[in-house]
Amino acid sequence: KEMIVRADVTNAEKFRRILEAYQVENDYGNTIEAYRADLNLEGVTSSVDFLRLGRVALYYQRFDGSETGYWNKEKRQWQLLADDYRIAIRQGLRIARKETAPDLLALPISVAESGQ
């Protein structure tokens, strides 16, 4: 943002930087990632697997598969998912770790409400 208003930077360089930022954001939005970390739920800290689908969704699953959930952007909190999604999240984790071939995943996605 600071560079855009500077007179000593050419328009070509400003344009290149803007396109570069869009490309980085686009690349990140099309990724799938699995990682392990601690999660504090209702005062209890547990080690879980996280599944991130670009900027669209973030899920977690306990190592034993006993609990699965997702980050609800609107409520800004973790929400439990029905057991029906346990296998799909496990499959997504395997895909992200490149342990299995990419495939379609049937997962719930929270949708932003219209501002109108």
Protein backbone atom coordinates (compact mmCIF):
# COMPACT_ATOMS: atom_id res chain seq x y z
CA LYS A 1 0.00 0.00 0.00
CA GLU A 2 2.85 2.36 0.81
CA MET A 3 4.54 1.73 -2.53
CA ILE A 4 1.44 2.62 -4.59
CA VAL A 5 1.58 6.31 -3.61
CA ARG A 6 5.33 6.68 -4.03
CA ALA A 7 6.41 8.77 -7.01
CA ASP A 8 9.86 7.16 -7.27
CA VAL A 9 8.36 3.76 -8.21
CA THR A 10 7.36 3.24 -11.84
CA ASN A 11 3.80 2.34 -12.78
CA ALA A 12 5.12 -0.87 -14.32
CA GLU A 13 6.69 -1.90 -11.00
CA LYS A 14 3.49 -1.03 -9.11
CA PHE A 15 1.43 -3.08 -11.56
CA ARG A 16 3.87 -6.02 -11.31
CA ARG A 17 3.64 -5.99 -7.51
CA ILE A 18 -0.16 -5.90 -7.55
CA LEU A 19 -0.31 -8.84 -9.97
CA GLU A 20 2.19 -10.73 -7.84
CA ALA A 21 0.03 -10.22 -4.73
CA TYR A 22 -3.05 -11.46 -6.59
CA GLN A 23 -1.15 -14.52 -7.82
CA VAL A 24 0.03 -15.40 -4.31
CA GLU A 25 -3.52 -15.07 -3.00
CA ASN A 26 -4.89 -17.16 -5.88
CA ASP A 27 -2.31 -19.90 -5.29
CA TYR A 28 -3.09 -20.04 -1.58
CA GLY A 29 -6.82 -20.21 -2.25
CA ASN A 30 -6.38 -23.35 -4.35
CA THR A 31 -4.43 -25.42 -1.84
CA ILE A 32 -5.28 -28.20 0.56
CA GLU A 33 -3.25 -28.70 3.71
CA ALA A 34 -3.21 -31.11 6.65
CA TYR A 35 -1.34 -30.42 9.86
CA ARG A 36 -1.37 -31.39 13.53
CA ALA A 37 -1.72 -28.92 16.38
CA ASP A 38 -3.34 -28.46 19.76
CA LEU A 39 -6.90 -27.18 19.95
CA ASN A 40 -8.61 -25.80 23.06
CA LEU A 41 -12.30 -26.66 23.12
CA GLU A 42 -14.36 -25.70 26.16
CA GLY A 43 -11.27 -25.52 28.35
CA VAL A 44 -9.88 -28.89 27.25
CA THR A 45 -6.76 -28.95 25.06
CA SER A 46 -6.46 -31.84 22.62
CA SER A 47 -4.07 -32.68 19.80
CA VAL A 48 -6.01 -32.82 16.54
CA ASP A 49 -5.53 -33.04 12.79
CA PHE A 50 -6.51 -29.90 10.88
CA LEU A 51 -7.68 -29.88 7.27
CA ARG A 52 -7.57 -26.54 5.45
CA LEU A 53 -9.25 -26.14 2.06
CA GLY A 54 -7.84 -22.93 0.61
CA ARG A 55 -9.57 -19.98 2.21
CA VAL A 56 -12.91 -21.75 2.10
CA ALA A 57 -12.95 -24.02 5.15
CA LEU A 58 -10.98 -25.24 8.15
CA TYR A 59 -11.86 -28.57 9.79
CA TYR A 60 -10.44 -30.55 12.69
CA GLN A 61 -10.62 -34.16 13.75
CA ARG A 62 -9.36 -35.87 16.88
CA PHE A 63 -6.71 -38.50 16.18
CA ASP A 64 -9.08 -41.32 17.11
CA GLY A 65 -11.85 -39.87 14.90
CA SER A 66 -14.19 -39.50 17.88
CA GLU A 67 -14.89 -35.82 17.18
CA THR A 68 -14.96 -33.76 14.01
CA GLY A 69 -15.72 -30.08 13.58
CA TYR A 70 -15.20 -26.93 11.54
CA TRP A 71 -14.51 -23.23 12.09
CA ASN A 72 -17.73 -21.23 11.77
CA LYS A 73 -16.65 -17.83 10.40
CA GLU A 74 -19.88 -16.06 11.26
CA LYS A 75 -20.00 -17.23 14.88
CA ARG A 76 -16.20 -17.13 15.18
CA GLN A 77 -16.10 -20.47 16.98
CA TRP A 78 -15.61 -24.18 16.43
CA GLN A 79 -18.75 -26.19 15.65
CA LEU A 80 -19.17 -29.94 15.89
CA LEU A 81 -20.03 -31.88 12.74
CA ALA A 82 -22.24 -34.92 12.53
CA ASP A 83 -20.49 -38.30 12.47
CA ASP A 84 -21.56 -38.55 8.81
CA TYR A 85 -18.58 -36.30 7.90
CA ARG A 86 -15.95 -38.25 9.86
CA ILE A 87 -14.92 -40.41 6.90
CA ALA A 88 -14.88 -37.47 4.44
CA ILE A 89 -12.58 -35.46 6.73
CA ARG A 90 -10.30 -38.48 7.18
CA GLN A 91 -10.21 -38.87 3.37
CA GLY A 92 -9.42 -35.15 2.97
CA LEU A 93 -6.54 -35.47 5.42
CA ARG A 94 -5.15 -38.41 3.44
CA ILE A 95 -5.46 -36.45 0.17
CA ALA A 96 -3.71 -33.43 1.67
CA ARG A 97 -0.85 -35.64 2.89
CA LYS A 98 -0.63 -37.21 -0.57
CA GLU A 99 -1.37 -40.65 0.86
CA THR A 100 -4.19 -41.18 -1.62
CA ALA A 101 -5.25 -39.82 -4.99
CA PRO A 102 -7.30 -36.59 -5.13
CA ASP A 103 -11.04 -37.17 -5.08
CA LEU A 104 -14.25 -35.24 -4.48
CA LEU A 105 -15.09 -34.58 -0.83
CA ALA A 106 -18.66 -34.10 0.39
CA LEU A 107 -18.12 -31.56 3.17
CA PRO A 108 -20.24 -28.78 4.64
CA ILE A 109 -19.14 -25.26 3.76
CA SER A 110 -20.41 -22.19 5.56
CA VAL A 111 -21.61 -19.51 3.19
CA ALA A 112 -21.47 -15.79 3.90
CA GLU A 113 -24.87 -14.17 4.02
CA SER A 114 -25.79 -11.40 1.65
CA GLY A 115 -25.31 -7.88 2.98
CA GLN A 116 -28.50 -6.67 1.29
